[in-house]
Amino acid sequence: MEASSVPLDLLRGPAAPAAARGSTPEQIRRTAEDFEASFLSALLAPMFAGLSTEAPFGGGSGEQAFRGFMVEAMAKQATKAGGVGLADHVERELLRLQGLS
């Protein structure tokens, strides 16, 4: 396939992230908070990776199976409580890309 047959838009890529295109400021804030929660979840996951789930105080294989959900819930709650400030930076950049800042 020759380079000249490839549409130019594919070579440039999107003008703004998909989450920012046509979004309201509220949607952008929610997207930024979701991103921060995902980031925090990735940071928290290794803390729980080596924990024992054996009796008498562990939940066994059930606890191990649902640990990812617990870590995700903790990350979402941390973000709701103010997080680490990442959502603010992401929101500001998405608003700038959208032309809403």
N, C-alpha and C. Protein backbone atom coordinates (compact mmCIF):
# COMPACT_ATOMS: atom_id res chain seq x y z
N MET A 1 0.85 -1.17 0.00
CA MET A 1 0.00 0.00 0.00
C MET A 1 0.89 1.24 0.00
N GLU A 2 0.64 2.12 -0.89
CA GLU A 2 1.42 3.34 -0.98
C GLU A 2 0.97 4.34 0.07
N ALA A 3 1.89 5.17 0.52
CA ALA A 3 1.56 6.18 1.51
C ALA A 3 0.55 7.19 0.98
N SER A 4 0.56 7.43 -0.32
CA SER A 4 -0.35 8.42 -0.88
C SER A 4 -1.80 7.93 -0.89
N SER A 5 -2.02 6.60 -0.77
CA SER A 5 -3.39 6.08 -0.76
C SER A 5 -4.00 6.06 0.63
N VAL A 6 -3.20 6.33 1.67
CA VAL A 6 -3.70 6.36 3.03
C VAL A 6 -4.31 7.73 3.30
N PRO A 7 -5.53 7.77 3.82
CA PRO A 7 -6.15 9.07 4.11
C PRO A 7 -5.28 9.89 5.06
N LEU A 8 -5.19 11.16 4.80
CA LEU A 8 -4.35 12.05 5.59
C LEU A 8 -4.77 12.09 7.05
N ASP A 9 -6.06 11.97 7.34
CA ASP A 9 -6.54 12.01 8.72
C ASP A 9 -5.95 10.88 9.55
N LEU A 10 -5.71 9.72 8.95
CA LEU A 10 -5.12 8.61 9.68
C LEU A 10 -3.68 8.90 10.06
N LEU A 11 -3.00 9.68 9.25
CA LEU A 11 -1.62 10.01 9.55
C LEU A 11 -1.50 11.06 10.64
N ARG A 12 -2.47 11.94 10.73
CA ARG A 12 -2.44 13.00 11.74
C ARG A 12 -2.94 12.54 13.10
N GLY A 13 -3.87 11.64 13.11
CA GLY A 13 -4.47 11.20 14.36
C GLY A 13 -5.57 12.16 14.77
N PRO A 14 -6.27 11.85 15.85
CA PRO A 14 -7.37 12.70 16.28
C PRO A 14 -6.87 14.05 16.79
N ALA A 15 -7.68 15.07 16.63
CA ALA A 15 -7.30 16.41 17.07
C ALA A 15 -7.34 16.53 18.58
N ALA A 16 -8.21 15.77 19.22
CA ALA A 16 -8.32 15.80 20.68
C ALA A 16 -8.68 14.40 21.15
N PRO A 17 -8.38 14.08 22.41
CA PRO A 17 -8.76 12.76 22.92
C PRO A 17 -10.26 12.53 22.77
N ALA A 18 -10.62 11.27 22.58
CA ALA A 18 -12.03 10.92 22.36
C ALA A 18 -12.92 11.38 23.50
N ALA A 19 -12.40 11.36 24.73
CA ALA A 19 -13.21 11.76 25.87
C ALA A 19 -13.52 13.25 25.85
N ALA A 20 -12.70 14.04 25.16
CA ALA A 20 -12.88 15.48 25.18
C ALA A 20 -13.77 16.00 24.06
N ARG A 21 -13.84 15.28 22.94
CA ARG A 21 -14.60 15.76 21.79
C ARG A 21 -16.09 15.83 22.09
N GLY A 22 -16.67 17.02 21.98
CA GLY A 22 -18.10 17.18 22.14
C GLY A 22 -18.60 16.96 23.56
N SER A 23 -17.73 17.01 24.53
CA SER A 23 -18.11 16.76 25.91
C SER A 23 -18.44 18.04 26.64
N THR A 24 -19.27 17.92 27.65
CA THR A 24 -19.56 19.05 28.53
C THR A 24 -18.50 19.11 29.62
N PRO A 25 -18.36 20.23 30.30
CA PRO A 25 -17.39 20.30 31.40
C PRO A 25 -17.64 19.24 32.48
N GLU A 26 -18.91 18.90 32.72
CA GLU A 26 -19.22 17.88 33.73
C GLU A 26 -18.72 16.51 33.29
N GLN A 27 -18.89 16.20 32.00
CA GLN A 27 -18.42 14.92 31.47
C GLN A 27 -16.90 14.86 31.50
N ILE A 28 -16.27 15.98 31.20
CA ILE A 28 -14.81 16.03 31.23
C ILE A 28 -14.30 15.82 32.65
N ARG A 29 -14.95 16.41 33.64
CA ARG A 29 -14.55 16.22 35.04
C ARG A 29 -14.69 14.75 35.44
N ARG A 30 -15.80 14.15 35.04
CA ARG A 30 -16.03 12.73 35.36
C ARG A 30 -14.96 11.85 34.71
N THR A 31 -14.61 12.16 33.47
CA THR A 31 -13.56 11.41 32.77
C THR A 31 -12.22 11.57 33.48
N ALA A 32 -11.91 12.78 33.92
CA ALA A 32 -10.65 13.04 34.62
C ALA A 32 -10.62 12.27 35.94
N GLU A 33 -11.73 12.24 36.65
CA GLU A 33 -11.78 11.51 37.92
C GLU A 33 -11.68 10.00 37.69
N ASP A 34 -12.31 9.51 36.63
CA ASP A 34 -12.20 8.09 36.30
C ASP A 34 -10.76 7.72 35.97
N PHE A 35 -10.07 8.61 35.26
CA PHE A 35 -8.67 8.37 34.94
C PHE A 35 -7.82 8.32 36.20
N GLU A 36 -8.05 9.26 37.12
CA GLU A 36 -7.29 9.27 38.37
C GLU A 36 -7.58 8.01 39.18
N ALA A 37 -8.83 7.57 39.22
CA ALA A 37 -9.17 6.35 39.94
C ALA A 37 -8.46 5.14 39.33
N SER A 38 -8.38 5.07 38.02
CA SER A 38 -7.66 3.97 37.36
C SER A 38 -6.18 4.01 37.70
N PHE A 39 -5.63 5.22 37.71
CA PHE A 39 -4.22 5.39 38.05
C PHE A 39 -3.95 4.94 39.49
N LEU A 40 -4.80 5.39 40.42
CA LEU A 40 -4.63 5.00 41.82
C LEU A 40 -4.82 3.50 42.02
N SER A 41 -5.74 2.92 41.28
CA SER A 41 -5.95 1.48 41.36
C SER A 41 -4.70 0.72 40.94
N ALA A 42 -4.06 1.20 39.89
CA ALA A 42 -2.81 0.57 39.44
C ALA A 42 -1.70 0.73 40.47
N LEU A 43 -1.71 1.84 41.20
CA LEU A 43 -0.70 2.03 42.24
C LEU A 43 -0.98 1.19 43.48
N LEU A 44 -2.25 1.01 43.82
CA LEU A 44 -2.61 0.27 45.02
C LEU A 44 -2.53 -1.25 44.84
N ALA A 45 -2.74 -1.74 43.64
CA ALA A 45 -2.80 -3.18 43.40
C ALA A 45 -1.58 -3.94 43.92
N PRO A 46 -0.35 -3.48 43.70
CA PRO A 46 0.81 -4.23 44.20
C PRO A 46 0.87 -4.31 45.73
N MET A 47 0.25 -3.38 46.43
CA MET A 47 0.24 -3.42 47.89
C MET A 47 -0.48 -4.66 48.42
N PHE A 48 -1.47 -5.12 47.66
CA PHE A 48 -2.28 -6.24 48.11
C PHE A 48 -1.90 -7.56 47.44
N ALA A 49 -0.99 -7.51 46.50
CA ALA A 49 -0.65 -8.71 45.72
C ALA A 49 -0.07 -9.83 46.57
N GLY A 50 0.72 -9.52 47.57
CA GLY A 50 1.38 -10.56 48.35
C GLY A 50 0.70 -10.90 49.66
N LEU A 51 -0.48 -10.35 49.92
CA LEU A 51 -1.15 -10.62 51.18
C LEU A 51 -1.73 -12.03 51.23
N SER A 52 -1.63 -12.63 52.37
CA SER A 52 -2.18 -13.97 52.56
C SER A 52 -3.69 -13.90 52.74
N THR A 53 -4.39 -14.86 52.19
CA THR A 53 -5.84 -14.91 52.33
C THR A 53 -6.25 -16.16 53.10
N GLU A 54 -5.35 -16.66 53.94
CA GLU A 54 -5.61 -17.89 54.69
C GLU A 54 -6.36 -17.59 55.98
N ALA A 55 -7.01 -18.62 56.51
CA ALA A 55 -7.75 -18.53 57.78
C ALA A 55 -6.79 -18.23 58.91
N PRO A 56 -7.19 -17.75 60.05
CA PRO A 56 -8.56 -17.54 60.47
C PRO A 56 -9.13 -16.18 60.08
N PHE A 57 -8.29 -15.25 59.64
CA PHE A 57 -8.80 -13.91 59.36
C PHE A 57 -8.91 -13.59 57.88
N GLY A 58 -8.40 -14.44 57.04
CA GLY A 58 -8.46 -14.22 55.60
C GLY A 58 -9.75 -14.76 55.00
N GLY A 59 -10.05 -14.35 53.81
CA GLY A 59 -11.28 -14.78 53.16
C GLY A 59 -11.06 -15.88 52.14
N GLY A 60 -9.88 -16.46 52.13
CA GLY A 60 -9.59 -17.56 51.22
C GLY A 60 -9.57 -17.16 49.77
N SER A 61 -9.95 -18.12 48.93
CA SER A 61 -9.89 -17.87 47.49
C SER A 61 -10.93 -16.84 47.05
N GLY A 62 -12.04 -16.72 47.79
CA GLY A 62 -13.04 -15.69 47.47
C GLY A 62 -12.47 -14.29 47.63
N GLU A 63 -11.75 -14.10 48.71
CA GLU A 63 -11.11 -12.79 48.92
C GLU A 63 -10.11 -12.49 47.82
N GLN A 64 -9.35 -13.49 47.48
CA GLN A 64 -8.35 -13.30 46.43
C GLN A 64 -9.02 -12.99 45.09
N ALA A 65 -10.14 -13.64 44.81
CA ALA A 65 -10.83 -13.42 43.54
C ALA A 65 -11.42 -12.02 43.44
N PHE A 66 -11.88 -11.48 44.55
CA PHE A 66 -12.53 -10.17 44.53
C PHE A 66 -11.63 -9.02 44.98
N ARG A 67 -10.37 -9.30 45.19
CA ARG A 67 -9.43 -8.27 45.64
C ARG A 67 -9.35 -7.11 44.66
N GLY A 68 -9.38 -7.38 43.38
CA GLY A 68 -9.31 -6.32 42.37
C GLY A 68 -10.47 -5.34 42.49
N PHE A 69 -11.66 -5.87 42.79
CA PHE A 69 -12.82 -5.00 42.98
C PHE A 69 -12.64 -4.11 44.21
N MET A 70 -12.06 -4.69 45.27
CA MET A 70 -11.82 -3.91 46.48
C MET A 70 -10.81 -2.78 46.21
N VAL A 71 -9.76 -3.10 45.51
CA VAL A 71 -8.74 -2.09 45.19
C VAL A 71 -9.35 -0.99 44.33
N GLU A 72 -10.17 -1.36 43.36
CA GLU A 72 -10.83 -0.37 42.51
C GLU A 72 -11.76 0.53 43.32
N ALA A 73 -12.51 -0.07 44.25
CA ALA A 73 -13.41 0.72 45.10
C ALA A 73 -12.63 1.67 45.99
N MET A 74 -11.50 1.22 46.52
CA MET A 74 -10.66 2.09 47.35
C MET A 74 -10.13 3.26 46.53
N ALA A 75 -9.73 2.99 45.30
CA ALA A 75 -9.20 4.05 44.44
C ALA A 75 -10.29 5.07 44.09
N LYS A 76 -11.50 4.59 43.81
CA LYS A 76 -12.61 5.50 43.51
C LYS A 76 -12.94 6.36 44.73
N GLN A 77 -12.92 5.76 45.91
CA GLN A 77 -13.22 6.51 47.12
C GLN A 77 -12.13 7.55 47.41
N ALA A 78 -10.89 7.18 47.18
CA ALA A 78 -9.79 8.13 47.38
C ALA A 78 -9.93 9.30 46.42
N THR A 79 -10.33 9.03 45.19
CA THR A 79 -10.53 10.09 44.20
C THR A 79 -11.68 11.00 44.62
N LYS A 80 -12.77 10.42 45.11
CA LYS A 80 -13.90 11.22 45.59
C LYS A 80 -13.49 12.15 46.73
N ALA A 81 -12.56 11.68 47.56
CA ALA A 81 -12.11 12.45 48.71
C ALA A 81 -11.06 13.49 48.35
N GLY A 82 -10.74 13.61 47.08
CA GLY A 82 -9.76 14.62 46.66
C GLY A 82 -8.59 14.04 45.90
N GLY A 83 -8.36 12.75 46.04
CA GLY A 83 -7.30 12.08 45.30
C GLY A 83 -5.93 12.67 45.52
N VAL A 84 -5.12 12.61 44.49
CA VAL A 84 -3.75 13.12 44.55
C VAL A 84 -3.59 14.35 43.67
N GLY A 85 -4.69 14.84 43.11
CA GLY A 85 -4.65 16.04 42.29
C GLY A 85 -4.48 15.79 40.81
N LEU A 86 -4.39 14.54 40.42
CA LEU A 86 -4.21 14.22 39.01
C LEU A 86 -5.43 14.60 38.18
N ALA A 87 -6.63 14.39 38.72
CA ALA A 87 -7.86 14.70 37.99
C ALA A 87 -7.92 16.19 37.62
N ASP A 88 -7.44 17.04 38.50
CA ASP A 88 -7.45 18.48 38.22
C ASP A 88 -6.60 18.82 37.00
N HIS A 89 -5.44 18.20 36.92
CA HIS A 89 -4.54 18.44 35.79
C HIS A 89 -5.11 17.88 34.49
N VAL A 90 -5.66 16.67 34.58
CA VAL A 90 -6.25 16.05 33.39
C VAL A 90 -7.45 16.88 32.91
N GLU A 91 -8.28 17.29 33.86
CA GLU A 91 -9.45 18.11 33.50
C GLU A 91 -9.02 19.41 32.82
N ARG A 92 -8.04 20.07 33.38
CA ARG A 92 -7.57 21.34 32.80
C ARG A 92 -7.08 21.13 31.37
N GLU A 93 -6.35 20.05 31.13
CA GLU A 93 -5.82 19.79 29.79
C GLU A 93 -6.94 19.42 28.82
N LEU A 94 -7.90 18.61 29.26
CA LEU A 94 -9.02 18.26 28.38
C LEU A 94 -9.87 19.48 28.05
N LEU A 95 -10.09 20.34 29.02
CA LEU A 95 -10.84 21.58 28.76
C LEU A 95 -10.10 22.47 27.75
N ARG A 96 -8.77 22.52 27.89
CA ARG A 96 -7.97 23.32 26.96
C ARG A 96 -8.06 22.74 25.54
N LEU A 97 -7.97 21.42 25.44
CA LEU A 97 -8.07 20.78 24.12
C LEU A 97 -9.45 20.98 23.49
N GLN A 98 -10.46 21.03 24.33
CA GLN A 98 -11.83 21.22 23.86
C GLN A 98 -12.11 22.69 23.54
N GLY A 99 -11.25 23.57 24.03
CA GLY A 99 -11.47 25.00 23.82
C GLY A 99 -12.45 25.59 24.81
N LEU A 100 -12.61 24.94 25.97
CA LEU A 100 -13.56 25.41 26.98
C LEU A 100 -12.89 26.12 28.15
N SER A 101 -11.58 26.21 28.12
CA SER A 101 -10.90 26.85 29.26
C SER A 101 -10.82 28.35 29.12
